[in-house]
């Protein structure tokens, strides 16, 4: 869950204008280099009286992790949002070896 602002009258539910939530993600095992990361909204609970405005992205991707960044603006009211992600890249494998 990225946020649940309805429960405590947080800024995504009660605020207006530009708002942002950042959630760090740490990989269980690091990749050999920064992987390709895809994020998506898995659940959104929004107010039907306002326009739905949202931008979700993976930022600051490193071999060790990344940040999920969710943004909204204007009068959008979001009660809660959950995100899913997938990272694809090379990992260290003790069964692989180089032959010169």
PDB file of N, CA and C in Angstrom:
ATOM      1  N   UNK A   1       0.855  -1.173   0.000  1.00  0.00           N
ATOM      2  CA  UNK A   1       0.000   0.000   0.000  1.00  0.00           C
ATOM      3  C   UNK A   1       0.899   1.234   0.000  1.00  0.00           C
ATOM      4  N   UNK A   2       0.723   2.102  -0.982  1.00  0.00           N
ATOM      5  CA  UNK A   2       1.503   3.340  -1.012  1.00  0.00           C
ATOM      6  C   UNK A   2       1.009   4.326   0.039  1.00  0.00           C
ATOM      7  N   UNK A   3      -0.303   4.436   0.137  1.00  0.00           N
ATOM      8  CA  UNK A   3      -0.872   5.299   1.163  1.00  0.00           C
ATOM      9  C   UNK A   3      -2.343   4.939   1.376  1.00  0.00           C
ATOM     10  N   UNK A   4      -2.854   5.319   2.542  1.00  0.00           N
ATOM     11  CA  UNK A   4      -4.264   5.180   2.880  1.00  0.00           C
ATOM     12  C   UNK A   4      -4.667   6.459   3.602  1.00  0.00           C
ATOM     13  N   UNK A   5      -4.826   7.531   2.848  1.00  0.00           N
ATOM     14  CA  UNK A   5      -5.023   8.856   3.437  1.00  0.00           C
ATOM     15  C   UNK A   5      -6.446   9.116   3.926  1.00  0.00           C
ATOM     16  N   UNK A   6      -7.420   8.331   3.472  1.00  0.00           N
ATOM     17  CA  UNK A   6      -8.789   8.506   3.948  1.00  0.00           C
ATOM     18  C   UNK A   6      -8.870   8.221   5.443  1.00  0.00           C
ATOM     19  N   UNK A   7      -8.140   7.217   5.906  1.00  0.00           N
ATOM     20  CA  UNK A   7      -8.198   6.781   7.304  1.00  0.00           C
ATOM     21  C   UNK A   7      -7.767   7.863   8.290  1.00  0.00           C
ATOM     22  N   UNK A   8      -6.854   8.747   7.854  1.00  0.00           N
ATOM     23  CA  UNK A   8      -6.351   9.758   8.791  1.00  0.00           C
ATOM     24  C   UNK A   8      -6.394  11.173   8.194  1.00  0.00           C
ATOM     25  N   UNK A   9      -7.268  11.383   7.210  1.00  0.00           N
ATOM     26  CA  UNK A   9      -7.433  12.699   6.574  1.00  0.00           C
ATOM     27  C   UNK A   9      -6.105  13.249   6.063  1.00  0.00           C
ATOM     28  N   UNK A  10      -5.335  12.390   5.403  1.00  0.00           N
ATOM     29  CA  UNK A  10      -4.037  12.784   4.857  1.00  0.00           C
ATOM     30  C   UNK A  10      -4.168  13.666   3.627  1.00  0.00           C
ATOM     31  N   UNK A  11      -3.047  14.180   3.143  1.00  0.00           N
ATOM     32  CA  UNK A  11      -3.054  15.163   2.060  1.00  0.00           C
ATOM     33  C   UNK A  11      -3.579  14.647   0.721  1.00  0.00           C
ATOM     34  N   UNK A  12      -3.434  13.365   0.428  1.00  0.00           N
ATOM     35  CA  UNK A  12      -3.958  12.860  -0.837  1.00  0.00           C
ATOM     36  C   UNK A  12      -5.486  12.878  -0.843  1.00  0.00           C
ATOM     37  N   UNK A  13      -6.093  12.795   0.345  1.00  0.00           N
ATOM     38  CA  UNK A  13      -7.548  12.807   0.461  1.00  0.00           C
ATOM     39  C   UNK A  13      -8.096  14.217   0.678  1.00  0.00           C
ATOM     40  N   UNK A  14      -7.424  15.013   1.492  1.00  0.00           N
ATOM     41  CA  UNK A  14      -7.969  16.327   1.861  1.00  0.00           C
ATOM     42  C   UNK A  14      -7.289  17.493   1.157  1.00  0.00           C
ATOM     43  N   UNK A  15      -6.119  17.276   0.567  1.00  0.00           N
ATOM     44  CA  UNK A  15      -5.362  18.371  -0.022  1.00  0.00           C
ATOM     45  C   UNK A  15      -5.788  18.734  -1.429  1.00  0.00           C
ATOM     46  N   UNK A  16      -5.197  19.801  -1.944  1.00  0.00           N
ATOM     47  CA  UNK A  16      -5.373  20.233  -3.321  1.00  0.00           C
ATOM     48  C   UNK A  16      -4.017  20.648  -3.855  1.00  0.00           C
ATOM     49  N   UNK A  17      -3.928  20.743  -5.180  1.00  0.00           N
ATOM     50  CA  UNK A  17      -2.671  21.125  -5.807  1.00  0.00           C
ATOM     51  C   UNK A  17      -1.736  19.927  -5.936  1.00  0.00           C
ATOM     52  N   UNK A  18      -0.470  20.188  -6.263  1.00  0.00           N
ATOM     53  CA  UNK A  18       0.481  19.082  -6.449  1.00  0.00           C
ATOM     54  C   UNK A  18       0.758  18.351  -5.133  1.00  0.00           C
ATOM     55  N   UNK A  19       0.658  17.027  -5.186  1.00  0.00           N
ATOM     56  CA  UNK A  19       0.973  16.175  -4.038  1.00  0.00           C
ATOM     57  C   UNK A  19       1.746  14.963  -4.523  1.00  0.00           C
ATOM     58  N   UNK A  20       2.610  14.441  -3.671  1.00  0.00           N
ATOM     59  CA  UNK A  20       3.484  13.330  -4.063  1.00  0.00           C
ATOM     60  C   UNK A  20       3.738  12.405  -2.884  1.00  0.00           C
ATOM     61  N   UNK A  21       3.770  11.103  -3.179  1.00  0.00           N
ATOM     62  CA  UNK A  21       4.142  10.084  -2.192  1.00  0.00           C
ATOM     63  C   UNK A  21       5.285   9.285  -2.795  1.00  0.00           C
ATOM     64  N   UNK A  22       6.343   9.083  -2.013  1.00  0.00           N
ATOM     65  CA  UNK A  22       7.489   8.288  -2.456  1.00  0.00           C
ATOM     66  C   UNK A  22       7.663   7.111  -1.503  1.00  0.00           C
ATOM     67  N   UNK A  23       7.776   5.903  -2.075  1.00  0.00           N
ATOM     68  CA  UNK A  23       7.948   4.685  -1.281  1.00  0.00           C
ATOM     69  C   UNK A  23       9.209   3.969  -1.745  1.00  0.00           C
ATOM     70  N   UNK A  24      10.221   3.845  -0.878  1.00  0.00           N
ATOM     71  CA  UNK A  24      11.426   3.114  -1.286  1.00  0.00           C
ATOM     72  C   UNK A  24      11.178   1.609  -1.355  1.00  0.00           C
ATOM     73  N   UNK A  25      11.839   0.954  -2.293  1.00  0.00           N
ATOM     74  CA  UNK A  25      11.790  -0.500  -2.450  1.00  0.00           C
ATOM     75  C   UNK A  25      13.230  -1.000  -2.451  1.00  0.00           C
ATOM     76  N   UNK A  26      13.528  -1.989  -1.605  1.00  0.00           N
ATOM     77  CA  UNK A  26      14.853  -2.601  -1.545  1.00  0.00           C
ATOM     78  C   UNK A  26      14.723  -4.033  -2.052  1.00  0.00           C
ATOM     79  N   UNK A  27      15.533  -4.386  -3.050  1.00  0.00           N
ATOM     80  CA  UNK A  27      15.499  -5.743  -3.584  1.00  0.00           C
ATOM     81  C   UNK A  27      16.061  -6.732  -2.560  1.00  0.00           C
ATOM     82  N   UNK A  28      15.511  -7.930  -2.514  1.00  0.00           N
ATOM     83  CA  UNK A  28      15.992  -8.969  -1.608  1.00  0.00           C
ATOM     84  C   UNK A  28      17.446  -9.303  -1.936  1.00  0.00           C
ATOM     85  N   UNK A  29      17.751  -9.396  -3.229  1.00  0.00           N
ATOM     86  CA  UNK A  29      19.123  -9.597  -3.694  1.00  0.00           C
ATOM     87  C   UNK A  29      19.413  -8.534  -4.739  1.00  0.00           C
ATOM     88  N   UNK A  30      20.609  -7.930  -4.701  1.00  0.00           N
ATOM     89  CA  UNK A  30      20.906  -6.889  -5.692  1.00  0.00           C
ATOM     90  C   UNK A  30      21.115  -7.479  -7.088  1.00  0.00           C
ATOM     91  N   UNK A  31      20.826  -6.650  -8.078  1.00  0.00           N
ATOM     92  CA  UNK A  31      21.115  -6.994  -9.464  1.00  0.00           C
ATOM     93  C   UNK A  31      22.561  -6.638  -9.771  1.00  0.00           C
ATOM     94  N   UNK A  32      23.101  -7.134 -10.887  1.00  0.00           N
ATOM     95  CA  UNK A  32      24.467  -6.807 -11.289  1.00  0.00           C
ATOM     96  C   UNK A  32      24.569  -5.362 -11.767  1.00  0.00           C
ATOM     97  N   UNK A  33      23.496  -4.846 -12.333  1.00  0.00           N
ATOM     98  CA  UNK A  33      23.407  -3.439 -12.731  1.00  0.00           C
ATOM     99  C   UNK A  33      21.951  -3.022 -12.560  1.00  0.00           C
ATOM    100  N   UNK A  34      21.685  -1.748 -12.716  1.00  0.00           N
ATOM    101  CA  UNK A  34      20.319  -1.269 -12.521  1.00  0.00           C
ATOM    102  C   UNK A  34      19.357  -2.019 -13.449  1.00  0.00           C
ATOM    103  N   UNK A  35      18.331  -2.655 -12.893  1.00  0.00           N
ATOM    104  CA  UNK A  35      17.387  -3.413 -13.716  1.00  0.00           C
ATOM    105  C   UNK A  35      16.370  -2.493 -14.393  1.00  0.00           C
ATOM    106  N   UNK A  36      15.598  -3.060 -15.281  1.00  0.00           N
ATOM    107  CA  UNK A  36      14.439  -2.373 -15.842  1.00  0.00           C
ATOM    108  C   UNK A  36      13.292  -2.606 -14.867  1.00  0.00           C
ATOM    109  N   UNK A  37      12.613  -1.533 -14.482  1.00  0.00           N
ATOM    110  CA  UNK A  37      11.546  -1.631 -13.492  1.00  0.00           C
ATOM    111  C   UNK A  37      10.246  -1.088 -14.085  1.00  0.00           C
ATOM    112  N   UNK A  38       9.177  -1.841 -13.883  1.00  0.00           N
ATOM    113  CA  UNK A  38       7.851  -1.411 -14.299  1.00  0.00           C
ATOM    114  C   UNK A  38       6.967  -1.355 -13.058  1.00  0.00           C
ATOM    115  N   UNK A  39       6.261  -0.246 -12.880  1.00  0.00           N
ATOM    116  CA  UNK A  39       5.311  -0.113 -11.777  1.00  0.00           C
ATOM    117  C   UNK A  39       3.914   0.114 -12.344  1.00  0.00           C
ATOM    118  N   UNK A  40       2.919  -0.318 -11.592  1.00  0.00           N
ATOM    119  CA  UNK A  40       1.536  -0.122 -12.005  1.00  0.00           C
ATOM    120  C   UNK A  40       0.656   0.048 -10.781  1.00  0.00           C
ATOM    121  N   UNK A  41      -0.484   0.658 -10.995  1.00  0.00           N
ATOM    122  CA  UNK A  41      -1.462   0.802  -9.920  1.00  0.00           C
ATOM    123  C   UNK A  41      -2.233  -0.504  -9.811  1.00  0.00           C
ATOM    124  N   UNK A  42      -2.236  -1.104  -8.632  1.00  0.00           N
ATOM    125  CA  UNK A  42      -2.946  -2.362  -8.392  1.00  0.00           C
ATOM    126  C   UNK A  42      -4.318  -2.111  -7.755  1.00  0.00           C
ATOM    127  N   UNK A  43      -4.457  -1.000  -7.051  1.00  0.00           N
ATOM    128  CA  UNK A  43      -5.728  -0.632  -6.432  1.00  0.00           C
ATOM    129  C   UNK A  43      -5.756   0.876  -6.307  1.00  0.00           C
ATOM    130  N   UNK A  44      -6.869   1.471  -6.649  1.00  0.00           N
ATOM    131  CA  UNK A  44      -7.073   2.876  -6.310  1.00  0.00           C
ATOM    132  C   UNK A  44      -8.489   3.071  -5.842  1.00  0.00           C
ATOM    133  N   UNK A  45      -8.608   3.843  -4.804  1.00  0.00           N
ATOM    134  CA  UNK A  45      -9.880   4.166  -4.184  1.00  0.00           C
ATOM    135  C   UNK A  45      -9.962   5.682  -4.244  1.00  0.00           C
ATOM    136  N   UNK A  46     -10.818   6.195  -5.141  1.00  0.00           N
ATOM    137  CA  UNK A  46     -10.839   7.628  -5.406  1.00  0.00           C
ATOM    138  C   UNK A  46     -12.236   8.198  -5.239  1.00  0.00           C
ATOM    139  N   UNK A  47     -12.297   9.489  -4.994  1.00  0.00           N
ATOM    140  CA  UNK A  47     -13.564  10.209  -4.876  1.00  0.00           C
ATOM    141  C   UNK A  47     -14.160  10.379  -6.268  1.00  0.00           C
ATOM    142  N   UNK A  48     -15.425  10.016  -6.436  1.00  0.00           N
ATOM    143  CA  UNK A  48     -16.067  10.115  -7.745  1.00  0.00           C
ATOM    144  C   UNK A  48     -16.503  11.545  -8.078  1.00  0.00           C
ATOM    145  N   UNK A  49     -16.422  12.460  -7.145  1.00  0.00           N
ATOM    146  CA  UNK A  49     -16.858  13.834  -7.377  1.00  0.00           C
ATOM    147  C   UNK A  49     -15.777  14.708  -8.013  1.00  0.00           C
ATOM    148  N   UNK A  50     -14.543  14.207  -8.101  1.00  0.00           N
ATOM    149  CA  UNK A  50     -13.449  14.992  -8.687  1.00  0.00           C
ATOM    150  C   UNK A  50     -12.796  14.187  -9.808  1.00  0.00           C
ATOM    151  N   UNK A  51     -12.017  14.874 -10.625  1.00  0.00           N
ATOM    152  CA  UNK A  51     -11.284  14.199 -11.697  1.00  0.00           C
ATOM    153  C   UNK A  51     -10.167  13.351 -11.127  1.00  0.00           C
ATOM    154  N   UNK A  52      -9.921  12.202 -11.764  1.00  0.00           N
ATOM    155  CA  UNK A  52      -8.831  11.312 -11.367  1.00  0.00           C
ATOM    156  C   UNK A  52      -7.588  11.721 -12.144  1.00  0.00           C
ATOM    157  N   UNK A  53      -6.593  12.204 -11.426  1.00  0.00           N
ATOM    158  CA  UNK A  53      -5.321  12.596 -12.029  1.00  0.00           C
ATOM    159  C   UNK A  53      -4.220  11.852 -11.288  1.00  0.00           C
ATOM    160  N   UNK A  54      -3.408  11.098 -12.043  1.00  0.00           N
ATOM    161  CA  UNK A  54      -2.373  10.305 -11.378  1.00  0.00           C
ATOM    162  C   UNK A  54      -1.196  10.074 -12.305  1.00  0.00           C
ATOM    163  N   UNK A  55      -0.043  10.013 -11.704  1.00  0.00           N
ATOM    164  CA  UNK A  55       1.190   9.667 -12.407  1.00  0.00           C
ATOM    165  C   UNK A  55       1.981   8.761 -11.467  1.00  0.00           C
ATOM    166  N   UNK A  56       2.345   7.565 -11.939  1.00  0.00           N
ATOM    167  CA  UNK A  56       3.127   6.641 -11.117  1.00  0.00           C
ATOM    168  C   UNK A  56       4.370   6.257 -11.911  1.00  0.00           C
ATOM    169  N   UNK A  57       5.510   6.204 -11.224  1.00  0.00           N
ATOM    170  CA  UNK A  57       6.760   5.886 -11.919  1.00  0.00           C
ATOM    171  C   UNK A  57       7.770   5.264 -10.962  1.00  0.00           C
ATOM    172  N   UNK A  58       8.770   4.614 -11.572  1.00  0.00           N
ATOM    173  CA  UNK A  58       9.936   4.113 -10.830  1.00  0.00           C
ATOM    174  C   UNK A  58      11.050   5.136 -11.036  1.00  0.00           C
ATOM    175  N   UNK A  59      11.633   5.600  -9.948  1.00  0.00           N
ATOM    176  CA  UNK A  59      12.710   6.590 -10.039  1.00  0.00           C
ATOM    177  C   UNK A  59      13.894   6.135  -9.197  1.00  0.00           C
ATOM    178  N   UNK A  60      15.048   6.709  -9.488  1.00  0.00           N
ATOM    179  CA  UNK A  60      16.291   6.422  -8.760  1.00  0.00           C
ATOM    180  C   UNK A  60      16.569   4.913  -8.699  1.00  0.00           C
ATOM    181  N   UNK A  61      16.482   4.258  -9.861  1.00  0.00           N
ATOM    182  CA  UNK A  61      16.703   2.807  -9.936  1.00  0.00           C
ATOM    183  C   UNK A  61      18.190   2.510  -9.830  1.00  0.00           C
ATOM    184  N   UNK A  62      18.550   1.627  -8.904  1.00  0.00           N
ATOM    185  CA  UNK A  62      19.930   1.170  -8.715  1.00  0.00           C
ATOM    186  C   UNK A  62      19.912  -0.352  -8.652  1.00  0.00           C
ATOM    187  N   UNK A  63      21.079  -0.995  -8.628  1.00  0.00           N
ATOM    188  CA  UNK A  63      21.090  -2.448  -8.463  1.00  0.00           C
ATOM    189  C   UNK A  63      20.467  -2.909  -7.138  1.00  0.00           C
ATOM    190  N   UNK A  64      20.415  -2.030  -6.149  1.00  0.00           N
ATOM    191  CA  UNK A  64      19.902  -2.388  -4.819  1.00  0.00           C
ATOM    192  C   UNK A  64      18.424  -2.083  -4.623  1.00  0.00           C
ATOM    193  N   UNK A  65      17.841  -1.205  -5.432  1.00  0.00           N
ATOM    194  CA  UNK A  65      16.445  -0.849  -5.229  1.00  0.00           C
ATOM    195  C   UNK A  65      16.036   0.349  -6.054  1.00  0.00           C
ATOM    196  N   UNK A  66      14.870   0.919  -5.718  1.00  0.00           N
ATOM    197  CA  UNK A  66      14.335   2.070  -6.434  1.00  0.00           C
ATOM    198  C   UNK A  66      13.264   2.718  -5.572  1.00  0.00           C
ATOM    199  N   UNK A  67      12.685   3.788  -6.067  1.00  0.00           N
ATOM    200  CA  UNK A  67      11.579   4.454  -5.386  1.00  0.00           C
ATOM    201  C   UNK A  67      10.360   4.454  -6.286  1.00  0.00           C
ATOM    202  N   UNK A  68       9.201   4.098  -5.714  1.00  0.00           N
ATOM    203  CA  UNK A  68       7.928   4.272  -6.400  1.00  0.00           C
ATOM    204  C   UNK A  68       7.466   5.688  -6.074  1.00  0.00           C
ATOM    205  N   UNK A  69       7.163   6.465  -7.111  1.00  0.00           N
ATOM    206  CA  UNK A  69       6.711   7.842  -6.920  1.00  0.00           C
ATOM    207  C   UNK A  69       5.314   7.972  -7.522  1.00  0.00           C
ATOM    208  N   UNK A  70       4.375   8.380  -6.689  1.00  0.00           N
ATOM    209  CA  UNK A  70       2.994   8.593  -7.112  1.00  0.00           C
ATOM    210  C   UNK A  70       2.671  10.067  -6.942  1.00  0.00           C
ATOM    211  N   UNK A  71       2.125  10.674  -8.008  1.00  0.00           N
ATOM    212  CA  UNK A  71       1.801  12.102  -7.967  1.00  0.00           C
ATOM    213  C   UNK A  71       0.351  12.322  -8.388  1.00  0.00           C
ATOM    214  N   UNK A  72      -0.253  13.342  -7.815  1.00  0.00           N
ATOM    215  CA  UNK A  72      -1.550  13.832  -8.251  1.00  0.00           C
ATOM    216  C   UNK A  72      -1.540  15.344  -8.141  1.00  0.00           C
ATOM    217  N   UNK A  73      -2.586  16.002  -8.633  1.00  0.00           N
ATOM    218  CA  UNK A  73      -2.609  17.458  -8.644  1.00  0.00           C
ATOM    219  C   UNK A  73      -4.057  17.942  -8.728  1.00  0.00           C
ATOM    220  N   UNK A  74      -4.193  19.250  -8.668  1.00  0.00           N
ATOM    221  CA  UNK A  74      -5.486  19.942  -8.731  1.00  0.00           C
ATOM    222  C   UNK A  74      -6.392  19.462  -7.590  1.00  0.00           C
ATOM    223  N   UNK A  75      -7.662  19.144  -7.894  1.00  0.00           N
ATOM    224  CA  UNK A  75      -8.606  18.806  -6.828  1.00  0.00           C
ATOM    225  C   UNK A  75      -8.823  17.305  -6.663  1.00  0.00           C
ATOM    226  N   UNK A  76      -7.999  16.468  -7.291  1.00  0.00           N
ATOM    227  CA  UNK A  76      -8.158  15.009  -7.171  1.00  0.00           C
ATOM    228  C   UNK A  76      -8.097  14.583  -5.713  1.00  0.00           C
ATOM    229  N   UNK A  77      -8.987  13.645  -5.352  1.00  0.00           N
ATOM    230  CA  UNK A  77      -9.046  13.132  -3.977  1.00  0.00           C
ATOM    231  C   UNK A  77      -8.866  11.625  -4.030  1.00  0.00           C
ATOM    232  N   UNK A  78      -7.754  11.147  -3.480  1.00  0.00           N
ATOM    233  CA  UNK A  78      -7.442   9.720  -3.476  1.00  0.00           C
ATOM    234  C   UNK A  78      -7.435   9.209  -2.044  1.00  0.00           C
ATOM    235  N   UNK A  79      -8.275   8.234  -1.781  1.00  0.00           N
ATOM    236  CA  UNK A  79      -8.353   7.656  -0.440  1.00  0.00           C
ATOM    237  C   UNK A  79      -7.171   6.731  -0.186  1.00  0.00           C
ATOM    238  N   UNK A  80      -6.885   5.852  -1.174  1.00  0.00           N
ATOM    239  CA  UNK A  80      -5.753   4.934  -1.015  1.00  0.00           C
ATOM    240  C   UNK A  80      -5.327   4.406  -2.377  1.00  0.00           C
ATOM    241  N   UNK A  81      -4.050   4.044  -2.443  1.00  0.00           N
ATOM    242  CA  UNK A  81      -3.465   3.496  -3.672  1.00  0.00           C
ATOM    243  C   UNK A  81      -2.489   2.395  -3.287  1.00  0.00           C
ATOM    244  N   UNK A  82      -2.557   1.287  -4.026  1.00  0.00           N
ATOM    245  CA  UNK A  82      -1.576   0.209  -3.877  1.00  0.00           C
ATOM    246  C   UNK A  82      -0.898   0.035  -5.235  1.00  0.00           C
ATOM    247  N   UNK A  83       0.396  -0.226  -5.219  1.00  0.00           N
ATOM    248  CA  UNK A  83       1.169  -0.395  -6.453  1.00  0.00           C
ATOM    249  C   UNK A  83       1.814  -1.776  -6.484  1.00  0.00           C
ATOM    250  N   UNK A  84       1.980  -2.296  -7.693  1.00  0.00           N
ATOM    251  CA  UNK A  84       2.753  -3.509  -7.942  1.00  0.00           C
ATOM    252  C   UNK A  84       3.958  -3.141  -8.796  1.00  0.00           C
ATOM    253  N   UNK A  85       4.994  -3.955  -8.741  1.00  0.00           N
ATOM    254  CA  UNK A  85       6.172  -3.676  -9.543  1.00  0.00           C
ATOM    255  C   UNK A  85       6.838  -4.972  -9.977  1.00  0.00           C
ATOM    256  N   UNK A  86       7.599  -4.857 -11.065  1.00  0.00           N
ATOM    257  CA  UNK A  86       8.404  -5.958 -11.572  1.00  0.00           C
ATOM    258  C   UNK A  86       9.762  -5.401 -11.966  1.00  0.00           C
ATOM    259  N   UNK A  87      10.823  -6.068 -11.557  1.00  0.00           N
ATOM    260  CA  UNK A  87      12.183  -5.673 -11.935  1.00  0.00           C
ATOM    261  C   UNK A  87      12.822  -6.820 -12.711  1.00  0.00           C
ATOM    262  N   UNK A  88      13.423  -6.487 -13.850  1.00  0.00           N
ATOM    263  CA  UNK A  88      14.057  -7.500 -14.693  1.00  0.00           C
ATOM    264  C   UNK A  88      15.482  -7.064 -14.985  1.00  0.00           C
ATOM    265  N   UNK A  89      16.429  -7.958 -14.691  1.00  0.00           N
ATOM    266  CA  UNK A  89      17.825  -7.655 -14.946  1.00  0.00           C
ATOM    267  C   UNK A  89      18.702  -8.831 -14.568  1.00  0.00           C
ATOM    268  N   UNK A  90      19.997  -8.694 -14.847  1.00  0.00           N
ATOM    269  CA  UNK A  90      20.959  -9.758 -14.564  1.00  0.00           C
ATOM    270  C   UNK A  90      21.252  -9.831 -13.064  1.00  0.00           C
ATOM    271  N   UNK A  91      21.363 -11.069 -12.563  1.00  0.00           N
ATOM    272  CA  UNK A  91      21.727 -11.300 -11.169  1.00  0.00           C
ATOM    273  C   UNK A  91      22.949 -12.201 -11.116  1.00  0.00           C
ATOM    274  N   UNK A  92      23.624 -12.170 -10.014  1.00  0.00           N
ATOM    275  CA  UNK A  92      24.806 -13.012  -9.828  1.00  0.00           C
ATOM    276  C   UNK A  92      24.366 -14.468  -9.713  1.00  0.00           C
ATOM    277  N   UNK A  93      25.054 -15.341 -10.441  1.00  0.00           N
ATOM    278  CA  UNK A  93      24.734 -16.765 -10.416  1.00  0.00           C
ATOM    279  C   UNK A  93      26.020 -17.537 -10.222  1.00  0.00           C
ATOM    280  N   UNK A  94      26.203 -18.233  -9.100  1.00  0.00           N
ATOM    281  CA  UNK A  94      27.449 -18.952  -8.842  1.00  0.00           C
ATOM    282  C   UNK A  94      27.695 -20.092  -9.841  1.00  0.00           C
ATOM    283  N   UNK A  95      26.659 -20.511 -10.577  1.00  0.00           N
ATOM    284  CA  UNK A  95      26.840 -21.578 -11.564  1.00  0.00           C
ATOM    285  C   UNK A  95      27.372 -21.076 -12.905  1.00  0.00           C
ATOM    286  N   UNK A  96      27.453 -19.766 -13.080  1.00  0.00           N
ATOM    287  CA  UNK A  96      27.986 -19.201 -14.322  1.00  0.00           C
ATOM    288  C   UNK A  96      29.473 -18.899 -14.141  1.00  0.00           C
ATOM    289  N   UNK A  97      30.255 -19.131 -15.192  1.00  0.00           N
ATOM    290  CA  UNK A  97      31.678 -18.809 -15.149  1.00  0.00           C
ATOM    291  C   UNK A  97      32.155 -18.488 -16.536  1.00  0.00           C
ATOM    292  N   UNK A  98      33.215 -17.696 -16.590  1.00  0.00           N
ATOM    293  CA  UNK A  98      33.774 -17.265 -17.871  1.00  0.00           C
ATOM    294  C   UNK A  98      34.833 -18.242 -18.343  1.00  0.00           C
ATOM    295  N   UNK A  99      34.835 -18.502 -19.624  1.00  0.00           N
ATOM    296  CA  UNK A  99      35.870 -19.316 -20.248  1.00  0.00           C
ATOM    297  C   UNK A  99      36.625 -18.420 -21.214  1.00  0.00           C
ATOM    298  N   UNK A 100      37.917 -18.285 -21.002  1.00  0.00           N
ATOM    299  CA  UNK A 100      38.745 -17.443 -21.883  1.00  0.00           C
ATOM    300  C   UNK A 100      39.380 -18.259 -22.972  1.00  0.00           C
TER     301      UNK A 100
END
